[in-house]
Protein backbone atom coordinates (compact mmCIF):
# COMPACT_ATOMS: atom_id res chain seq x y z
CA MET A 1 -4.14 -29.64 -29.03
CA ASP A 2 -5.65 -26.48 -27.60
CA ASP A 3 -3.64 -26.62 -24.39
CA GLU A 4 -1.12 -23.87 -24.98
CA VAL A 5 -0.42 -21.30 -22.32
CA PRO A 6 -2.32 -18.11 -23.20
CA ARG A 7 -0.15 -15.07 -23.73
CA VAL A 8 -1.61 -11.61 -23.48
CA PRO A 9 0.66 -8.76 -24.66
CA VAL A 10 0.68 -5.92 -22.15
CA PRO A 11 2.52 -2.71 -23.08
CA ALA A 12 5.29 -1.80 -20.70
CA ASP A 13 4.22 1.86 -20.63
CA ILE A 14 0.56 1.16 -19.87
CA GLY A 15 0.44 4.13 -17.49
CA ALA A 16 2.30 6.54 -19.75
CA PRO A 17 0.48 9.78 -20.58
CA ASP A 18 -0.66 10.44 -24.13
CA LYS A 19 1.59 12.30 -26.55
CA ILE A 20 -0.02 15.52 -27.76
CA ALA A 21 2.47 17.00 -30.22
CA TRP A 22 6.12 16.50 -31.21
CA GLY A 23 6.31 13.44 -28.94
CA LEU A 24 5.56 15.56 -25.86
CA THR A 25 2.78 15.18 -23.33
CA PHE A 26 0.39 17.91 -22.30
CA ARG A 27 2.33 18.44 -19.06
CA GLN A 28 5.63 18.88 -20.93
CA LEU A 29 4.06 21.22 -23.48
CA ALA A 30 2.51 23.27 -20.67
CA ILE A 31 5.87 23.70 -18.90
CA ILE A 32 7.78 24.61 -22.05
CA GLY A 33 4.98 26.84 -23.32
CA ALA A 34 4.63 28.70 -20.02
CA VAL A 35 8.35 29.44 -19.80
CA ALA A 36 8.55 30.39 -23.49
CA GLY A 37 5.53 32.67 -23.17
CA ALA A 38 6.92 34.35 -20.08
CA GLY A 39 10.27 34.87 -21.84
CA TRP A 40 8.63 36.35 -24.90
CA LEU A 41 6.58 38.77 -22.77
CA LEU A 42 9.70 39.89 -20.94
CA TYR A 43 11.62 40.36 -24.17
CA SER A 44 8.79 42.23 -25.91
CA ARG A 45 8.40 44.57 -22.94
CA PHE A 46 11.99 45.11 -21.83
CA GLY A 47 13.90 44.11 -24.98
CA PRO A 48 15.30 47.54 -25.81
CA LEU A 49 16.74 47.91 -22.33
CA LEU A 50 19.39 45.19 -22.82
CA PRO A 51 21.53 44.19 -25.79
CA PRO A 52 20.40 41.07 -27.72
CA LEU A 53 23.55 39.15 -26.79
CA LEU A 54 22.76 39.50 -23.09
CA TRP A 55 19.23 38.22 -23.71
CA VAL A 56 20.70 35.15 -25.41
CA VAL A 57 23.12 34.56 -22.53
CA VAL A 58 20.19 34.67 -20.04
CA ALA A 59 17.87 32.60 -22.22
CA VAL A 60 20.25 29.66 -22.78
CA PRO A 61 20.46 28.48 -19.12
CA VAL A 62 16.75 29.15 -18.61
CA ALA A 63 15.92 27.05 -21.66
CA GLY A 64 18.27 24.30 -20.45
CA VAL A 65 16.69 24.16 -17.00
CA THR A 66 13.22 24.17 -18.52
CA ALA A 67 14.08 21.27 -20.84
CA VAL A 68 15.56 19.25 -17.96
CA VAL A 69 12.52 19.84 -15.76
CA ALA A 70 10.05 19.10 -18.54
CA LEU A 71 11.80 16.04 -20.01
CA GLY A 72 13.76 14.64 -17.08
CA ARG A 73 12.75 11.90 -14.67
CA ARG A 74 13.88 10.95 -11.18
CA ASP A 75 12.92 7.86 -9.15
CA GLY A 76 10.31 6.89 -11.73
CA LEU A 77 8.58 10.29 -11.58
CA PRO A 78 8.65 13.28 -13.92
CA LEU A 79 11.20 15.75 -12.63
CA ASP A 80 8.65 18.52 -12.05
CA VAL A 81 6.49 16.16 -9.99
CA TRP A 82 9.57 15.01 -8.07
CA LEU A 83 10.53 18.62 -7.33
CA ARG A 84 6.98 19.44 -6.23
CA HIS A 85 6.97 16.51 -3.82
CA GLY A 86 10.35 17.59 -2.51
CA LEU A 87 9.12 21.12 -1.82
CA ALA A 88 6.02 19.74 -0.10
CA LEU A 89 8.19 17.45 2.01
CA ARG A 90 10.33 20.39 3.10
CA GLN A 91 7.23 21.96 4.66
CA VAL A 92 6.31 18.82 6.64
CA PRO A 93 7.75 18.63 10.18
CA ARG A 94 10.51 16.06 10.52
CA LEU A 95 9.10 14.64 13.76
CA GLN A 96 5.78 12.90 13.15
CA ALA A 97 5.05 11.44 16.58
CA PRO A 98 3.56 13.16 19.64
CA GLY A 99 6.01 13.28 22.56
CA ARG A 100 6.01 14.47 26.12
CA ALA A 101 8.33 14.33 29.09
CA ARG A 102 8.01 11.36 31.41
CA PRO A 103 7.13 12.05 35.06
CA GLY A 104 10.29 12.95 36.93
CA GLN A 105 12.32 13.44 33.76
CA LEU A 106 14.71 16.39 33.84
CA LEU A 107 14.60 18.56 30.74
CA VAL A 108 17.84 20.35 29.89
CA GLU A 109 17.30 23.84 28.58
CA THR A 110 19.11 24.68 25.36
CA ALA A 111 19.75 27.92 23.57
CA ALA A 112 17.25 27.07 20.85
CA PRO A 113 13.87 25.51 21.68
CA PRO A 114 13.51 21.92 20.47
CA PRO A 115 11.26 21.26 17.47
CA VAL A 116 7.68 20.52 18.42
CA PRO A 117 6.56 17.09 17.14
CA ALA A 118 3.70 17.20 14.67
CA PRO A 119 0.74 14.81 15.02
CA LEU A 120 1.04 11.64 12.97
CA ARG A 121 -1.99 11.58 10.70
CA THR A 122 -2.78 8.51 8.63
CA ALA A 123 -4.88 8.31 5.50
CA ALA A 124 -7.35 6.01 7.26
CA ILE A 125 -9.79 8.11 9.28
CA THR A 126 -12.49 5.81 10.65
CA VAL A 127 -13.27 2.10 10.77
CA ALA A 128 -16.91 1.05 10.98
CA GLY A 129 -18.19 -2.11 12.61
CA ASP A 130 -19.04 -3.69 9.26
CA GLY A 131 -15.50 -3.16 7.99
CA THR A 132 -16.03 0.03 6.01
CA LEU A 133 -12.78 2.00 6.05
CA THR A 134 -12.82 5.74 5.38
CA VAL A 135 -9.66 6.81 3.56
CA ASP A 136 -9.31 10.48 2.63
CA GLY A 137 -13.09 10.88 2.59
CA ALA A 138 -13.76 7.79 0.45
CA ALA A 139 -15.29 4.55 1.75
CA ARG A 140 -13.29 1.39 1.14
CA CYS A 141 -13.73 -2.28 2.03
CA LEU A 142 -11.12 -4.99 2.56
CA VAL A 143 -11.53 -8.52 1.24
CA ALA A 144 -9.17 -11.27 2.44
CA CYS A 145 -8.22 -13.39 -0.57
CA GLY A 146 -6.58 -16.74 -1.04
CA THR A 147 -4.23 -17.72 -3.84
CA THR A 148 -4.20 -20.20 -6.68
CA ASN A 149 -1.32 -21.78 -8.55
CA VAL A 150 -1.74 -20.80 -12.17
CA ALA A 151 1.38 -22.68 -13.31
CA LEU A 152 -0.19 -26.04 -12.45
CA ARG A 153 -3.29 -25.36 -14.54
CA THR A 154 -3.75 -26.36 -18.16
CA GLY A 155 -3.80 -23.82 -20.93
CA GLN A 156 -7.60 -23.69 -21.07
CA GLU A 157 -7.85 -23.31 -17.30
CA GLN A 158 -5.32 -20.50 -17.35
CA ALA A 159 -7.28 -18.77 -20.09
CA VAL A 160 -10.45 -19.02 -17.98
CA LEU A 161 -8.66 -17.59 -14.93
CA LEU A 162 -7.21 -14.70 -16.91
CA SER A 163 -10.57 -14.00 -18.50
CA GLY A 164 -12.35 -14.00 -15.14
CA PHE A 165 -9.74 -11.73 -13.56
CA GLY A 166 -9.97 -9.39 -16.55
CA GLN A 167 -13.76 -9.24 -16.20
CA TRP A 168 -13.36 -8.27 -12.55
CA LEU A 169 -10.94 -5.48 -13.50
CA ASN A 170 -13.26 -4.21 -16.24
CA ALA A 171 -16.25 -4.24 -13.88
CA LEU A 172 -14.57 -1.97 -11.33
CA THR A 173 -16.19 1.45 -11.02
CA GLY A 174 -13.48 2.93 -8.79
CA PRO A 175 -9.86 2.52 -7.74
CA ALA A 176 -8.84 -0.87 -6.34
CA GLN A 177 -5.67 -2.21 -4.78
CA ILE A 178 -4.30 -5.69 -4.13
CA VAL A 179 -1.93 -5.78 -1.16
CA VAL A 180 0.35 -8.80 -0.66
CA ALA A 181 2.20 -8.76 2.67
CA ALA A 182 4.55 -11.38 4.12
CA GLN A 183 5.13 -11.30 7.87
CA ARG A 184 6.92 -13.55 10.29
CA HIS A 185 4.65 -16.28 11.65
CA ASP A 186 5.05 -17.02 15.34
CA LEU A 187 4.56 -20.76 15.90
CA ALA A 188 4.93 -20.67 19.69
CA PRO A 189 1.18 -20.12 20.38
CA TYR A 190 0.32 -23.13 18.21
CA ALA A 191 2.83 -25.30 20.07
CA GLN A 192 1.43 -24.12 23.38
CA ALA A 193 -2.13 -24.89 22.23
CA VAL A 194 -1.04 -28.44 21.35
CA LEU A 195 0.56 -28.89 24.78
CA ASP A 196 -2.52 -27.55 26.55
CA ASN A 197 -4.73 -30.18 24.89
CA THR A 198 -2.30 -33.08 25.08
CA ALA A 199 -3.66 -34.34 28.41
CA ARG A 200 -7.12 -34.79 26.87
CA LEU A 201 -5.94 -37.38 24.37
CA PRO A 202 -7.13 -40.89 25.27
CA HIS A 203 -3.97 -42.85 24.41
CA GLU A 204 -0.36 -42.59 25.48
CA ALA A 205 0.90 -42.87 21.91
CA LEU A 206 -1.26 -39.93 20.85
CA ARG A 207 0.03 -37.83 23.77
CA ALA A 208 3.62 -38.68 22.81
CA ALA A 209 2.95 -37.74 19.18
CA ALA A 210 1.42 -34.45 20.31
CA ASP A 211 4.47 -33.67 22.45
CA ASP A 212 6.75 -34.43 19.51
CA TYR A 213 4.66 -32.21 17.25
CA ALA A 214 4.82 -29.32 19.75
CA ALA A 215 8.59 -29.76 20.02
CA PHE A 216 8.83 -29.76 16.22
CA LEU A 217 6.89 -26.48 16.03
CA LEU A 218 9.14 -24.85 18.63
CA GLU A 219 12.29 -26.08 16.87
CA LEU A 220 10.97 -24.84 13.53
CA ASP A 221 10.15 -21.45 15.03
CA GLN A 222 13.65 -21.08 16.52
CA SER A 223 15.75 -22.54 13.70
CA ARG A 224 13.88 -21.14 10.72
CA ASP A 225 12.05 -17.94 9.83
CA PRO A 226 8.48 -19.03 9.02
CA LEU A 227 6.41 -16.51 7.12
CA ARG A 228 2.71 -16.04 6.66
CA ARG A 229 1.26 -14.34 3.61
CA GLN A 230 -1.73 -12.07 3.62
CA VAL A 231 -3.51 -11.00 0.44
CA LEU A 232 -6.04 -8.18 0.71
CA ALA A 233 -8.16 -6.61 -2.00
CA VAL A 234 -9.13 -3.01 -1.24
CA VAL A 235 -12.22 -2.02 -3.23
CA PRO A 236 -14.81 0.75 -2.97
CA ALA A 237 -17.57 0.16 -0.45
CA GLY A 238 -20.94 -0.99 -1.70
CA PRO A 239 -21.65 -3.35 -4.60
CA ALA A 240 -17.96 -3.65 -5.46
CA ARG A 241 -17.34 -5.74 -2.34
CA GLU A 242 -19.97 -8.35 -3.21
CA ALA A 243 -18.89 -8.32 -6.86
CA THR A 244 -15.28 -8.96 -5.80
CA VAL A 245 -16.29 -11.87 -3.59
CA ARG A 246 -18.36 -13.43 -6.39
CA ALA A 247 -15.65 -12.92 -9.01
CA PHE A 248 -12.84 -14.39 -6.89
CA THR A 249 -15.00 -17.29 -5.71
CA ALA A 250 -15.79 -18.13 -9.33
CA LEU A 251 -12.04 -18.29 -9.97
CA GLY A 252 -11.60 -20.82 -7.17
CA VAL A 253 -10.01 -18.27 -4.83
CA SER A 254 -11.40 -17.86 -1.34
CA ALA A 255 -12.62 -14.33 -0.64
CA VAL A 256 -14.01 -13.18 2.71
CA PRO A 257 -14.96 -9.56 3.49
CA LEU A 258 -13.33 -8.29 6.68
CA ASP A 259 -15.35 -6.84 9.51
CA GLY A 260 -14.27 -3.91 11.65
CA GLY A 261 -12.10 -5.96 14.01
CA ALA A 262 -10.31 -7.73 11.17
CA VAL A 263 -9.71 -4.42 9.37
CA THR A 264 -8.27 -2.97 12.58
CA ALA A 265 -5.97 -5.98 12.93
CA ALA A 266 -4.84 -5.62 9.31
CA LEU A 267 -4.04 -1.93 9.82
CA ALA A 268 -2.15 -2.70 13.04
CA GLY A 269 -0.14 -5.36 11.24
CA ALA A 270 0.70 -2.92 8.45
CA VAL A 271 1.90 -0.29 10.92
CA ASP A 272 4.13 -2.73 12.83
CA PRO A 273 4.79 -5.80 10.65
CA TYR A 274 7.42 -7.18 13.05
CA LEU A 275 5.02 -7.47 15.97
CA PRO A 276 3.19 -10.82 16.15
CA PRO A 277 -0.59 -10.52 15.76
CA VAL A 278 -2.63 -10.18 18.93
CA PRO A 279 -4.62 -13.36 19.63
CA GLY A 280 -8.36 -12.98 19.55
CA PRO A 281 -10.56 -10.30 18.00
CA ARG A 282 -9.62 -6.63 18.11
CA ALA A 283 -11.85 -3.81 19.23
CA VAL A 284 -12.91 -1.34 16.55
CA PRO A 285 -11.73 2.22 17.26
CA GLY A 286 -14.58 4.50 18.29
CA ILE A 287 -17.09 1.70 18.91
CA PRO A 288 -17.91 0.90 22.58
CA ILE A 289 -17.18 -2.64 23.77
CA THR A 290 -20.49 -4.19 24.83
CA THR A 291 -19.46 -7.83 25.44
CA ARG A 292 -17.02 -9.40 27.83
CA ARG A 293 -15.24 -12.67 27.32
CA THR A 294 -14.67 -14.75 30.41
CA SER A 295 -11.96 -17.37 30.62
């Protein structure tokens, strides 16, 4: 039987840099080589000024610190990268939200002026009406994806799914990201929608069943913590969006490109995941509203 679950070996260090010499990467060799070269230049120029024992005493801690920085890791990052991020973070203002005094609020003067809040700048710059998102100067598109249960498939079906997903990855011409977010799902609007349409039902038994269903939704919302899952594929704008939709649809996964309003709603949900989504479409930032919905 050819129904075995396909197994594809994936190395655990798939993102590890290549080893250049002596089991060291180019970054590690550059750090050690730069420090060693600087030490040799200092010794060749100022060597006669100090006794050799003093040079050894100075070189040992310097060599130790260099080895720790070049070979060490912290929080999953090389130690030199971690230190560079830390120094960059020290230069960023601690307050990242604009603030001002409310009308009528009394400000107490202190000896030292309070720190001025810095503007909160996000990576996303603009959102177009067609859903094109500009992130750090690059155009990206968001595709809302469904899910499929691979465990319930046969071995051949799993092999086909893995092959199709691998073909999509190999066809990418730029960076891509799959974002899976779980947020609390507010069931109260659905219960209210059921109650609003209960009176239109033609039979008393149907109206009673609708009332029970609305009560069940409210009880479920209060007693449990229902979640909704959102899966988004972020791909470069252009042909990659259509290719992603075709590839995921061929795998049996629903894929719908998001327009500007849906992208805005997704960004708002990412900024404040605890806030329930706003009902109805969202306005795209920077695009004038030309239609009006009447109740």
